[in-house]
Amino acid sequence: MDIATLIGVIGIALVLFMQLALGGSMGVFINPPSMIGTFGGTIMALFMSFSLPRIKSFLPVIRNSFKDNSQDPVVMIRKLVGYAEKARKEGMLALEEASENENDLFLRKALRLAVD
């Protein structure tokens, strides 16, 4: 799980808890007509702005926001330097074979675009 997302979720819960502990009531936060207008209006605006397949493709984005997909920057820099040296010595077309062996989808696409 991505640590920043976890910190954000916990932070929101703490802020709400502190507001309640300092004398607020839950009734201030729960107002059904306002909630229907806010959430319902947001969802309907989403449907008006995007096609249904595009909206469906958003669900994996939400799921991925809770995953930690980061890589070690030193490893990535070494890979990029290696690809740059290979392209300089053997030519850009040599990166085509390297792109097939690359596990990182973003870097693989970048290498293919560089070859093209």
PDB file of N, CA and C in Angstrom:
ATOM      1  N   MET A   1       0.846  -1.186   0.000  1.00  0.00           N
ATOM      2  CA  MET A   1       0.000   0.000   0.000  1.00  0.00           C
ATOM      3  C   MET A   1       0.884   1.239   0.000  1.00  0.00           C
ATOM      4  N   ASP A   2       0.476   2.228  -0.751  1.00  0.00           N
ATOM      5  CA  ASP A   2       1.225   3.480  -0.822  1.00  0.00           C
ATOM      6  C   ASP A   2       1.108   4.197   0.515  1.00  0.00           C
ATOM      7  N   ILE A   3       2.224   4.553   1.096  1.00  0.00           N
ATOM      8  CA  ILE A   3       2.258   5.166   2.421  1.00  0.00           C
ATOM      9  C   ILE A   3       1.588   6.536   2.433  1.00  0.00           C
ATOM     10  N   ALA A   4       1.712   7.293   1.343  1.00  0.00           N
ATOM     11  CA  ALA A   4       1.098   8.625   1.301  1.00  0.00           C
ATOM     12  C   ALA A   4      -0.423   8.533   1.337  1.00  0.00           C
ATOM     13  N   THR A   5      -0.995   7.558   0.641  1.00  0.00           N
ATOM     14  CA  THR A   5      -2.447   7.376   0.664  1.00  0.00           C
ATOM     15  C   THR A   5      -2.902   6.984   2.057  1.00  0.00           C
ATOM     16  N   LEU A   6      -2.159   6.080   2.685  1.00  0.00           N
ATOM     17  CA  LEU A   6      -2.492   5.652   4.038  1.00  0.00           C
ATOM     18  C   LEU A   6      -2.415   6.830   5.008  1.00  0.00           C
ATOM     19  N   ILE A   7      -1.392   7.655   4.890  1.00  0.00           N
ATOM     20  CA  ILE A   7      -1.267   8.835   5.756  1.00  0.00           C
ATOM     21  C   ILE A   7      -2.446   9.774   5.542  1.00  0.00           C
ATOM     22  N   GLY A   8      -2.854   9.962   4.281  1.00  0.00           N
ATOM     23  CA  GLY A   8      -3.992  10.830   3.986  1.00  0.00           C
ATOM     24  C   GLY A   8      -5.285  10.329   4.599  1.00  0.00           C
ATOM     25  N   VAL A   9      -5.546   9.030   4.489  1.00  0.00           N
ATOM     26  CA  VAL A   9      -6.777   8.458   5.051  1.00  0.00           C
ATOM     27  C   VAL A   9      -6.768   8.580   6.573  1.00  0.00           C
ATOM     28  N   ILE A  10      -5.652   8.257   7.192  1.00  0.00           N
ATOM     29  CA  ILE A  10      -5.555   8.368   8.650  1.00  0.00           C
ATOM     30  C   ILE A  10      -5.657   9.829   9.077  1.00  0.00           C
ATOM     31  N   GLY A  11      -5.041  10.726   8.320  1.00  0.00           N
ATOM     32  CA  GLY A  11      -5.104  12.153   8.645  1.00  0.00           C
ATOM     33  C   GLY A  11      -6.527  12.689   8.610  1.00  0.00           C
ATOM     34  N   ILE A  12      -7.288  12.301   7.604  1.00  0.00           N
ATOM     35  CA  ILE A  12      -8.689  12.737   7.521  1.00  0.00           C
ATOM     36  C   ILE A  12      -9.471  12.237   8.720  1.00  0.00           C
ATOM     37  N   ALA A  13      -9.265  10.970   9.086  1.00  0.00           N
ATOM     38  CA  ALA A  13      -9.969  10.412  10.251  1.00  0.00           C
ATOM     39  C   ALA A  13      -9.590  11.164  11.522  1.00  0.00           C
ATOM     40  N   LEU A  14      -8.314  11.504  11.679  1.00  0.00           N
ATOM     41  CA  LEU A  14      -7.883  12.246  12.871  1.00  0.00           C
ATOM     42  C   LEU A  14      -8.485  13.647  12.924  1.00  0.00           C
ATOM     43  N   VAL A  15      -8.550  14.319  11.782  1.00  0.00           N
ATOM     44  CA  VAL A  15      -9.140  15.659  11.751  1.00  0.00           C
ATOM     45  C   VAL A  15     -10.605  15.602  12.161  1.00  0.00           C
ATOM     46  N   LEU A  16     -11.336  14.649  11.608  1.00  0.00           N
ATOM     47  CA  LEU A  16     -12.752  14.518  11.982  1.00  0.00           C
ATOM     48  C   LEU A  16     -12.908  14.179  13.460  1.00  0.00           C
ATOM     49  N   PHE A  17     -12.053  13.282  13.967  1.00  0.00           N
ATOM     50  CA  PHE A  17     -12.112  12.919  15.381  1.00  0.00           C
ATOM     51  C   PHE A  17     -11.820  14.129  16.267  1.00  0.00           C
ATOM     52  N   MET A  18     -10.825  14.932  15.893  1.00  0.00           N
ATOM     53  CA  MET A  18     -10.495  16.117  16.701  1.00  0.00           C
ATOM     54  C   MET A  18     -11.644  17.121  16.690  1.00  0.00           C
ATOM     55  N   GLN A  19     -12.297  17.279  15.541  1.00  0.00           N
ATOM     56  CA  GLN A  19     -13.433  18.196  15.481  1.00  0.00           C
ATOM     57  C   GLN A  19     -14.548  17.737  16.409  1.00  0.00           C
ATOM     58  N   LEU A  20     -14.794  16.438  16.427  1.00  0.00           N
ATOM     59  CA  LEU A  20     -15.834  15.909  17.306  1.00  0.00           C
ATOM     60  C   LEU A  20     -15.412  16.022  18.769  1.00  0.00           C
ATOM     61  N   ALA A  21     -14.140  15.783  19.058  1.00  0.00           N
ATOM     62  CA  ALA A  21     -13.650  15.834  20.436  1.00  0.00           C
ATOM     63  C   ALA A  21     -13.672  17.257  20.987  1.00  0.00           C
ATOM     64  N   LEU A  22     -13.547  18.253  20.126  1.00  0.00           N
ATOM     65  CA  LEU A  22     -13.532  19.639  20.579  1.00  0.00           C
ATOM     66  C   LEU A  22     -14.929  20.246  20.668  1.00  0.00           C
ATOM     67  N   GLY A  23     -15.929  19.422  20.585  1.00  0.00           N
ATOM     68  CA  GLY A  23     -17.274  19.930  20.830  1.00  0.00           C
ATOM     69  C   GLY A  23     -18.199  19.921  19.637  1.00  0.00           C
ATOM     70  N   GLY A  24     -17.750  19.449  18.519  1.00  0.00           N
ATOM     71  CA  GLY A  24     -18.637  19.368  17.364  1.00  0.00           C
ATOM     72  C   GLY A  24     -19.548  18.161  17.480  1.00  0.00           C
ATOM     73  N   SER A  25     -20.580  18.125  16.686  1.00  0.00           N
ATOM     74  CA  SER A  25     -21.456  16.962  16.688  1.00  0.00           C
ATOM     75  C   SER A  25     -21.444  16.321  15.309  1.00  0.00           C
ATOM     76  N   MET A  26     -21.752  15.044  15.280  1.00  0.00           N
ATOM     77  CA  MET A  26     -21.769  14.320  14.024  1.00  0.00           C
ATOM     78  C   MET A  26     -22.862  14.859  13.104  1.00  0.00           C
ATOM     79  N   GLY A  27     -23.875  15.460  13.662  1.00  0.00           N
ATOM     80  CA  GLY A  27     -24.959  16.037  12.875  1.00  0.00           C
ATOM     81  C   GLY A  27     -24.488  17.139  11.948  1.00  0.00           C
ATOM     82  N   VAL A  28     -23.393  17.779  12.302  1.00  0.00           N
ATOM     83  CA  VAL A  28     -22.839  18.830  11.443  1.00  0.00           C
ATOM     84  C   VAL A  28     -22.318  18.217  10.142  1.00  0.00           C
ATOM     85  N   PHE A  29     -21.805  16.998  10.234  1.00  0.00           N
ATOM     86  CA  PHE A  29     -21.211  16.349   9.074  1.00  0.00           C
ATOM     87  C   PHE A  29     -22.217  15.540   8.266  1.00  0.00           C
ATOM     88  N   ILE A  30     -23.297  15.122   8.892  1.00  0.00           N
ATOM     89  CA  ILE A  30     -24.284  14.276   8.210  1.00  0.00           C
ATOM     90  C   ILE A  30     -25.539  15.095   7.955  1.00  0.00           C
ATOM     91  N   ASN A  31     -25.701  15.472   6.703  1.00  0.00           N
ATOM     92  CA  ASN A  31     -26.872  16.198   6.257  1.00  0.00           C
ATOM     93  C   ASN A  31     -27.299  15.556   4.939  1.00  0.00           C
ATOM     94  N   PRO A  32     -28.282  14.624   5.003  1.00  0.00           N
ATOM     95  CA  PRO A  32     -28.624  13.842   3.806  1.00  0.00           C
ATOM     96  C   PRO A  32     -28.907  14.673   2.554  1.00  0.00           C
ATOM     97  N   PRO A  33     -29.696  15.743   2.597  1.00  0.00           N
ATOM     98  CA  PRO A  33     -29.918  16.489   1.361  1.00  0.00           C
ATOM     99  C   PRO A  33     -28.622  17.057   0.764  1.00  0.00           C
ATOM    100  N   SER A  34     -27.746  17.538   1.620  1.00  0.00           N
ATOM    101  CA  SER A  34     -26.474  18.063   1.123  1.00  0.00           C
ATOM    102  C   SER A  34     -25.592  16.963   0.562  1.00  0.00           C
ATOM    103  N   MET A  35     -25.594  15.809   1.210  1.00  0.00           N
ATOM    104  CA  MET A  35     -24.791  14.689   0.743  1.00  0.00           C
ATOM    105  C   MET A  35     -25.296  14.188  -0.613  1.00  0.00           C
ATOM    106  N   ILE A  36     -26.610  14.117  -0.776  1.00  0.00           N
ATOM    107  CA  ILE A  36     -27.178  13.686  -2.056  1.00  0.00           C
ATOM    108  C   ILE A  36     -26.797  14.686  -3.146  1.00  0.00           C
ATOM    109  N   GLY A  37     -26.914  15.966  -2.843  1.00  0.00           N
ATOM    110  CA  GLY A  37     -26.561  16.979  -3.828  1.00  0.00           C
ATOM    111  C   GLY A  37     -25.096  16.941  -4.195  1.00  0.00           C
ATOM    112  N   THR A  38     -24.229  16.781  -3.203  1.00  0.00           N
ATOM    113  CA  THR A  38     -22.790  16.780  -3.458  1.00  0.00           C
ATOM    114  C   THR A  38     -22.345  15.533  -4.215  1.00  0.00           C
ATOM    115  N   PHE A  39     -22.633  14.358  -3.642  1.00  0.00           N
ATOM    116  CA  PHE A  39     -22.174  13.121  -4.262  1.00  0.00           C
ATOM    117  C   PHE A  39     -22.946  12.800  -5.534  1.00  0.00           C
ATOM    118  N   GLY A  40     -24.247  12.958  -5.505  1.00  0.00           N
ATOM    119  CA  GLY A  40     -25.053  12.695  -6.694  1.00  0.00           C
ATOM    120  C   GLY A  40     -24.704  13.643  -7.829  1.00  0.00           C
ATOM    121  N   GLY A  41     -24.547  14.917  -7.517  1.00  0.00           N
ATOM    122  CA  GLY A  41     -24.187  15.889  -8.544  1.00  0.00           C
ATOM    123  C   GLY A  41     -22.816  15.616  -9.133  1.00  0.00           C
ATOM    124  N   THR A  42     -21.879  15.214  -8.294  1.00  0.00           N
ATOM    125  CA  THR A  42     -20.540  14.896  -8.774  1.00  0.00           C
ATOM    126  C   THR A  42     -20.564  13.700  -9.711  1.00  0.00           C
ATOM    127  N   ILE A  43     -21.305  12.668  -9.327  1.00  0.00           N
ATOM    128  CA  ILE A  43     -21.389  11.467 -10.159  1.00  0.00           C
ATOM    129  C   ILE A  43     -22.091  11.774 -11.483  1.00  0.00           C
ATOM    130  N   MET A  44     -23.158  12.541 -11.441  1.00  0.00           N
ATOM    131  CA  MET A  44     -23.867  12.874 -12.678  1.00  0.00           C
ATOM    132  C   MET A  44     -23.016  13.764 -13.598  1.00  0.00           C
ATOM    133  N   ALA A  45     -22.249  14.682 -13.015  1.00  0.00           N
ATOM    134  CA  ALA A  45     -21.342  15.508 -13.817  1.00  0.00           C
ATOM    135  C   ALA A  45     -20.262  14.634 -14.468  1.00  0.00           C
ATOM    136  N   LEU A  46     -19.833  13.608 -13.762  1.00  0.00           N
ATOM    137  CA  LEU A  46     -18.867  12.659 -14.301  1.00  0.00           C
ATOM    138  C   LEU A  46     -19.449  11.940 -15.517  1.00  0.00           C
ATOM    139  N   PHE A  47     -20.712  11.485 -15.392  1.00  0.00           N
ATOM    140  CA  PHE A  47     -21.355  10.799 -16.508  1.00  0.00           C
ATOM    141  C   PHE A  47     -21.591  11.735 -17.688  1.00  0.00           C
ATOM    142  N   MET A  48     -21.822  12.990 -17.426  1.00  0.00           N
ATOM    143  CA  MET A  48     -22.023  13.952 -18.514  1.00  0.00           C
ATOM    144  C   MET A  48     -20.711  14.271 -19.227  1.00  0.00           C
ATOM    145  N   SER A  49     -19.599  14.177 -18.522  1.00  0.00           N
ATOM    146  CA  SER A  49     -18.313  14.595 -19.075  1.00  0.00           C
ATOM    147  C   SER A  49     -17.559  13.491 -19.801  1.00  0.00           C
ATOM    148  N   PHE A  50     -17.771  12.233 -19.400  1.00  0.00           N
ATOM    149  CA  PHE A  50     -16.979  11.130 -19.941  1.00  0.00           C
ATOM    150  C   PHE A  50     -17.879  10.011 -20.435  1.00  0.00           C
ATOM    151  N   SER A  51     -17.349   9.201 -21.366  1.00  0.00           N
ATOM    152  CA  SER A  51     -18.088   8.041 -21.859  1.00  0.00           C
ATOM    153  C   SER A  51     -18.049   6.940 -20.806  1.00  0.00           C
ATOM    154  N   LEU A  52     -18.976   5.989 -20.927  1.00  0.00           N
ATOM    155  CA  LEU A  52     -19.057   4.904 -19.956  1.00  0.00           C
ATOM    156  C   LEU A  52     -17.788   4.049 -19.926  1.00  0.00           C
ATOM    157  N   PRO A  53     -17.201   3.693 -21.076  1.00  0.00           N
ATOM    158  CA  PRO A  53     -15.942   2.924 -21.005  1.00  0.00           C
ATOM    159  C   PRO A  53     -14.826   3.689 -20.291  1.00  0.00           C
ATOM    160  N   ARG A  54     -14.790   4.996 -20.467  1.00  0.00           N
ATOM    161  CA  ARG A  54     -13.770   5.807 -19.800  1.00  0.00           C
ATOM    162  C   ARG A  54     -14.006   5.830 -18.283  1.00  0.00           C
ATOM    163  N   ILE A  55     -15.268   5.883 -17.876  1.00  0.00           N
ATOM    164  CA  ILE A  55     -15.584   5.863 -16.441  1.00  0.00           C
ATOM    165  C   ILE A  55     -15.202   4.519 -15.842  1.00  0.00           C
ATOM    166  N   LYS A  56     -15.488   3.434 -16.562  1.00  0.00           N
ATOM    167  CA  LYS A  56     -15.134   2.100 -16.067  1.00  0.00           C
ATOM    168  C   LYS A  56     -13.622   1.938 -15.936  1.00  0.00           C
ATOM    169  N   SER A  57     -12.867   2.577 -16.811  1.00  0.00           N
ATOM    170  CA  SER A  57     -11.410   2.454 -16.754  1.00  0.00           C
ATOM    171  C   SER A  57     -10.819   3.204 -15.561  1.00  0.00           C
ATOM    172  N   PHE A  58     -11.623   4.013 -14.897  1.00  0.00           N
ATOM    173  CA  PHE A  58     -11.152   4.776 -13.745  1.00  0.00           C
ATOM    174  C   PHE A  58     -11.039   3.908 -12.484  1.00  0.00           C
ATOM    175  N   LEU A  59     -11.807   2.830 -12.415  1.00  0.00           N
ATOM    176  CA  LEU A  59     -11.791   1.976 -11.227  1.00  0.00           C
ATOM    177  C   LEU A  59     -10.409   1.385 -10.927  1.00  0.00           C
ATOM    178  N   PRO A  60      -9.685   0.879 -11.920  1.00  0.00           N
ATOM    179  CA  PRO A  60      -8.325   0.405 -11.607  1.00  0.00           C
ATOM    180  C   PRO A  60      -7.398   1.520 -11.119  1.00  0.00           C
ATOM    181  N   VAL A  61      -7.647   2.742 -11.557  1.00  0.00           N
ATOM    182  CA  VAL A  61      -6.828   3.870 -11.103  1.00  0.00           C
ATOM    183  C   VAL A  61      -7.008   4.062  -9.598  1.00  0.00           C
ATOM    184  N   ILE A  62      -8.245   3.956  -9.140  1.00  0.00           N
ATOM    185  CA  ILE A  62      -8.508   4.077  -7.703  1.00  0.00           C
ATOM    186  C   ILE A  62      -7.792   2.962  -6.951  1.00  0.00           C
ATOM    187  N   ARG A  63      -7.884   1.742  -7.467  1.00  0.00           N
ATOM    188  CA  ARG A  63      -7.244   0.601  -6.812  1.00  0.00           C
ATOM    189  C   ARG A  63      -5.724   0.795  -6.783  1.00  0.00           C
ATOM    190  N   ASN A  64      -5.142   1.295  -7.874  1.00  0.00           N
ATOM    191  CA  ASN A  64      -3.689   1.482  -7.927  1.00  0.00           C
ATOM    192  C   ASN A  64      -3.201   2.604  -7.024  1.00  0.00           C
ATOM    193  N   SER A  65      -4.088   3.520  -6.648  1.00  0.00           N
ATOM    194  CA  SER A  65      -3.653   4.615  -5.785  1.00  0.00           C
ATOM    195  C   SER A  65      -3.298   4.125  -4.384  1.00  0.00           C
ATOM    196  N   PHE A  66      -3.730   2.916  -4.038  1.00  0.00           N
ATOM    197  CA  PHE A  66      -3.414   2.359  -2.732  1.00  0.00           C
ATOM    198  C   PHE A  66      -2.216   1.407  -2.785  1.00  0.00           C
ATOM    199  N   LYS A  67      -1.607   1.240  -3.955  1.00  0.00           N
ATOM    200  CA  LYS A  67      -0.449   0.370  -4.103  1.00  0.00           C
ATOM    201  C   LYS A  67       0.819   1.213  -4.197  1.00  0.00           C
ATOM    202  N   ASP A  68       1.886   0.664  -3.696  1.00  0.00           N
ATOM    203  CA  ASP A  68       3.187   1.335  -3.796  1.00  0.00           C
ATOM    204  C   ASP A  68       3.950   0.726  -4.960  1.00  0.00           C
ATOM    205  N   ASN A  69       4.000   1.447  -6.070  1.00  0.00           N
ATOM    206  CA  ASN A  69       4.673   0.963  -7.269  1.00  0.00           C
ATOM    207  C   ASN A  69       6.005   1.662  -7.506  1.00  0.00           C
ATOM    208  N   SER A  70       6.506   2.334  -6.493  1.00  0.00           N
ATOM    209  CA  SER A  70       7.733   3.102  -6.690  1.00  0.00           C
ATOM    210  C   SER A  70       8.942   2.179  -6.785  1.00  0.00           C
ATOM    211  N   GLN A  71       9.934   2.645  -7.502  1.00  0.00           N
ATOM    212  CA  GLN A  71      11.177   1.906  -7.658  1.00  0.00           C
ATOM    213  C   GLN A  71      12.313   2.712  -7.049  1.00  0.00           C
ATOM    214  N   ASP A  72      13.401   2.032  -6.812  1.00  0.00           N
ATOM    215  CA  ASP A  72      14.582   2.691  -6.284  1.00  0.00           C
ATOM    216  C   ASP A  72      15.142   3.618  -7.366  1.00  0.00           C
ATOM    217  N   PRO A  73      15.271   4.916  -7.090  1.00  0.00           N
ATOM    218  CA  PRO A  73      15.757   5.856  -8.107  1.00  0.00           C
ATOM    219  C   PRO A  73      17.144   5.517  -8.628  1.00  0.00           C
ATOM    220  N   VAL A  74      18.005   4.983  -7.789  1.00  0.00           N
ATOM    221  CA  VAL A  74      19.365   4.648  -8.208  1.00  0.00           C
ATOM    222  C   VAL A  74      19.330   3.552  -9.270  1.00  0.00           C
ATOM    223  N   VAL A  75      18.469   2.554  -9.060  1.00  0.00           N
ATOM    224  CA  VAL A  75      18.342   1.465 -10.029  1.00  0.00           C
ATOM    225  C   VAL A  75      17.815   2.007 -11.361  1.00  0.00           C
ATOM    226  N   MET A  76      16.823   2.881 -11.297  1.00  0.00           N
ATOM    227  CA  MET A  76      16.243   3.444 -12.525  1.00  0.00           C
ATOM    228  C   MET A  76      17.265   4.296 -13.271  1.00  0.00           C
ATOM    229  N   ILE A  77      18.034   5.088 -12.553  1.00  0.00           N
ATOM    230  CA  ILE A  77      19.062   5.924 -13.190  1.00  0.00           C
ATOM    231  C   ILE A  77      20.105   5.051 -13.870  1.00  0.00           C
ATOM    232  N   ARG A  78      20.513   3.970 -13.202  1.00  0.00           N
ATOM    233  CA  ARG A  78      21.491   3.060 -13.813  1.00  0.00           C
ATOM    234  C   ARG A  78      20.941   2.427 -15.092  1.00  0.00           C
ATOM    235  N   LYS A  79      19.665   2.055 -15.069  1.00  0.00           N
ATOM    236  CA  LYS A  79      19.042   1.497 -16.275  1.00  0.00           C
ATOM    237  C   LYS A  79      19.063   2.515 -17.410  1.00  0.00           C
ATOM    238  N   LEU A  80      18.654   3.746 -17.113  1.00  0.00           N
ATOM    239  CA  LEU A  80      18.599   4.785 -18.143  1.00  0.00           C
ATOM    240  C   LEU A  80      19.977   5.090 -18.710  1.00  0.00           C
ATOM    241  N   VAL A  81      20.981   5.155 -17.840  1.00  0.00           N
ATOM    242  CA  VAL A  81      22.344   5.401 -18.302  1.00  0.00           C
ATOM    243  C   VAL A  81      22.806   4.244 -19.178  1.00  0.00           C
ATOM    244  N   GLY A  82      22.474   3.015 -18.787  1.00  0.00           N
ATOM    245  CA  GLY A  82      22.829   1.848 -19.586  1.00  0.00           C
ATOM    246  C   GLY A  82      22.189   1.890 -20.973  1.00  0.00           C
ATOM    247  N   TYR A  83      20.913   2.277 -21.022  1.00  0.00           N
ATOM    248  CA  TYR A  83      20.237   2.378 -22.316  1.00  0.00           C
ATOM    249  C   TYR A  83      20.837   3.499 -23.162  1.00  0.00           C
ATOM    250  N   ALA A  84      21.196   4.606 -22.535  1.00  0.00           N
ATOM    251  CA  ALA A  84      21.810   5.718 -23.275  1.00  0.00           C
ATOM    252  C   ALA A  84      23.159   5.297 -23.854  1.00  0.00           C
ATOM    253  N   GLU A  85      23.962   4.573 -23.070  1.00  0.00           N
ATOM    254  CA  GLU A  85      25.259   4.103 -23.556  1.00  0.00           C
ATOM    255  C   GLU A  85      25.088   3.109 -24.699  1.00  0.00           C
ATOM    256  N   LYS A  86      24.100   2.229 -24.564  1.00  0.00           N
ATOM    257  CA  LYS A  86      23.831   1.239 -25.614  1.00  0.00           C
ATOM    258  C   LYS A  86      23.411   1.933 -26.906  1.00  0.00           C
ATOM    259  N   ALA A  87      22.547   2.948 -26.794  1.00  0.00           N
ATOM    260  CA  ALA A  87      22.094   3.681 -27.976  1.00  0.00           C
ATOM    261  C   ALA A  87      23.248   4.440 -28.619  1.00  0.00           C
ATOM    262  N   ARG A  88      24.141   4.981 -27.817  1.00  0.00           N
ATOM    263  CA  ARG A  88      25.278   5.739 -28.356  1.00  0.00           C
ATOM    264  C   ARG A  88      26.256   4.809 -29.064  1.00  0.00           C
ATOM    265  N   LYS A  89      26.514   3.621 -28.490  1.00  0.00           N
ATOM    266  CA  LYS A  89      27.499   2.704 -29.064  1.00  0.00           C
ATOM    267  C   LYS A  89      26.940   1.910 -30.250  1.00  0.00           C
ATOM    268  N   GLU A  90      25.693   1.411 -30.095  1.00  0.00           N
ATOM    269  CA  GLU A  90      25.147   0.480 -31.088  1.00  0.00           C
ATOM    270  C   GLU A  90      24.062   1.099 -31.958  1.00  0.00           C
ATOM    271  N   GLY A  91      23.612   2.299 -31.610  1.00  0.00           N
ATOM    272  CA  GLY A  91      22.539   2.932 -32.371  1.00  0.00           C
ATOM    273  C   GLY A  91      21.191   2.752 -31.694  1.00  0.00           C
ATOM    274  N   MET A  92      20.255   3.597 -32.091  1.00  0.00           N
ATOM    275  CA  MET A  92      18.929   3.589 -31.459  1.00  0.00           C
ATOM    276  C   MET A  92      18.181   2.272 -31.680  1.00  0.00           C
ATOM    277  N   LEU A  93      18.425   1.613 -32.810  1.00  0.00           N
ATOM    278  CA  LEU A  93      17.707   0.373 -33.086  1.00  0.00           C
ATOM    279  C   LEU A  93      18.071  -0.742 -32.110  1.00  0.00           C
ATOM    280  N   ALA A  94      19.216  -0.629 -31.459  1.00  0.00           N
ATOM    281  CA  ALA A  94      19.615  -1.631 -30.468  1.00  0.00           C
ATOM    282  C   ALA A  94      18.684  -1.602 -29.252  1.00  0.00           C
ATOM    283  N   LEU A  95      17.997  -0.493 -29.048  1.00  0.00           N
ATOM    284  CA  LEU A  95      17.085  -0.391 -27.909  1.00  0.00           C
ATOM    285  C   LEU A  95      15.805  -1.198 -28.122  1.00  0.00           C
ATOM    286  N   GLU A  96      15.550  -1.590 -29.376  1.00  0.00           N
ATOM    287  CA  GLU A  96      14.343  -2.367 -29.647  1.00  0.00           C
ATOM    288  C   GLU A  96      14.388  -3.711 -28.916  1.00  0.00           C
ATOM    289  N   GLU A  97      15.523  -4.378 -28.979  1.00  0.00           N
ATOM    290  CA  GLU A  97      15.672  -5.653 -28.275  1.00  0.00           C
ATOM    291  C   GLU A  97      15.628  -5.436 -26.761  1.00  0.00           C
ATOM    292  N   ALA A  98      16.245  -4.371 -26.302  1.00  0.00           N
ATOM    293  CA  ALA A  98      16.248  -4.077 -24.868  1.00  0.00           C
ATOM    294  C   ALA A  98      14.844  -3.803 -24.363  1.00  0.00           C
ATOM    295  N   SER A  99      14.000  -3.189 -25.194  1.00  0.00           N
ATOM    296  CA  SER A  99      12.637  -2.876 -24.764  1.00  0.00           C
ATOM    297  C   SER A  99      11.814  -4.139 -24.535  1.00  0.00           C
ATOM    298  N   GLU A 100      12.118  -5.201 -25.293  1.00  0.00           N
ATOM    299  CA  GLU A 100      11.371  -6.451 -25.128  1.00  0.00           C
ATOM    300  C   GLU A 100      11.680  -7.122 -23.795  1.00  0.00           C
ATOM    301  N   ASN A 101      12.863  -6.869 -23.248  1.00  0.00           N
ATOM    302  CA  ASN A 101      13.266  -7.492 -21.979  1.00  0.00           C
ATOM    303  C   ASN A 101      12.968  -6.617 -20.769  1.00  0.00           C
ATOM    304  N   GLU A 102      12.461  -5.423 -20.983  1.00  0.00           N
ATOM    305  CA  GLU A 102      12.197  -4.482 -19.880  1.00  0.00           C
ATOM    306  C   GLU A 102      10.883  -4.842 -19.183  1.00  0.00           C
ATOM    307  N   ASN A 103      10.898  -4.923 -17.858  1.00  0.00           N
ATOM    308  CA  ASN A 103       9.707  -5.273 -17.075  1.00  0.00           C
ATOM    309  C   ASN A 103       8.806  -4.070 -16.800  1.00  0.00           C
ATOM    310  N   ASP A 104       9.400  -2.904 -16.658  1.00  0.00           N
ATOM    311  CA  ASP A 104       8.637  -1.687 -16.373  1.00  0.00           C
ATOM    312  C   ASP A 104       7.896  -1.257 -17.647  1.00  0.00           C
ATOM    313  N   LEU A 105       6.554  -1.298 -17.600  1.00  0.00           N
ATOM    314  CA  LEU A 105       5.751  -1.017 -18.792  1.00  0.00           C
ATOM    315  C   LEU A 105       5.974   0.396 -19.318  1.00  0.00           C
ATOM    316  N   PHE A 106       6.106   1.369 -18.418  1.00  0.00           N
ATOM    317  CA  PHE A 106       6.319   2.751 -18.839  1.00  0.00           C
ATOM    318  C   PHE A 106       7.655   2.900 -19.555  1.00  0.00           C
ATOM    319  N   LEU A 107       8.701   2.319 -18.984  1.00  0.00           N
ATOM    320  CA  LEU A 107      10.030   2.398 -19.593  1.00  0.00           C
ATOM    321  C   LEU A 107      10.070   1.619 -20.903  1.00  0.00           C
ATOM    322  N   ARG A 108       9.368   0.485 -20.964  1.00  0.00           N
ATOM    323  CA  ARG A 108       9.305  -0.282 -22.201  1.00  0.00           C
ATOM    324  C   ARG A 108       8.686   0.550 -23.323  1.00  0.00           C
ATOM    325  N   LYS A 109       7.594   1.231 -23.008  1.00  0.00           N
ATOM    326  CA  LYS A 109       6.950   2.071 -24.019  1.00  0.00           C
ATOM    327  C   LYS A 109       7.869   3.232 -24.416  1.00  0.00           C
ATOM    328  N   ALA A 110       8.568   3.816 -23.445  1.00  0.00           N
ATOM    329  CA  ALA A 110       9.488   4.916 -23.741  1.00  0.00           C
ATOM    330  C   ALA A 110      10.601   4.450 -24.674  1.00  0.00           C
ATOM    331  N   LEU A 111      11.125   3.266 -24.453  1.00  0.00           N
ATOM    332  CA  LEU A 111      12.184   2.730 -25.312  1.00  0.00           C
ATOM    333  C   LEU A 111      11.654   2.492 -26.728  1.00  0.00           C
ATOM    334  N   ARG A 112      10.454   1.956 -26.831  1.00  0.00           N
ATOM    335  CA  ARG A 112       9.867   1.717 -28.152  1.00  0.00           C
ATOM    336  C   ARG A 112       9.621   3.022 -28.895  1.00  0.00           C
ATOM    337  N   LEU A 113       9.161   4.035 -28.181  1.00  0.00           N
ATOM    338  CA  LEU A 113       8.964   5.337 -28.806  1.00  0.00           C
ATOM    339  C   LEU A 113      10.287   5.942 -29.264  1.00  0.00           C
ATOM    340  N   ALA A 114      11.337   5.746 -28.461  1.00  0.00           N
ATOM    341  CA  ALA A 114      12.650   6.269 -28.842  1.00  0.00           C
ATOM    342  C   ALA A 114      13.152   5.573 -30.106  1.00  0.00           C
ATOM    343  N   VAL A 115      12.913   4.273 -30.229  1.00  0.00           N
ATOM    344  CA  VAL A 115      13.345   3.532 -31.410  1.00  0.00           C
ATOM    345  C   VAL A 115      12.573   4.013 -32.628  1.00  0.00           C
ATOM    346  N   ASP A 116      11.258   4.215 -32.459  1.00  0.00           N
ATOM    347  CA  ASP A 116      10.430   4.677 -33.588  1.00  0.00           C
ATOM    348  C   ASP A 116      10.828   6.067 -34.013  1.00  0.00           C
TER     349      ASP A 116
END
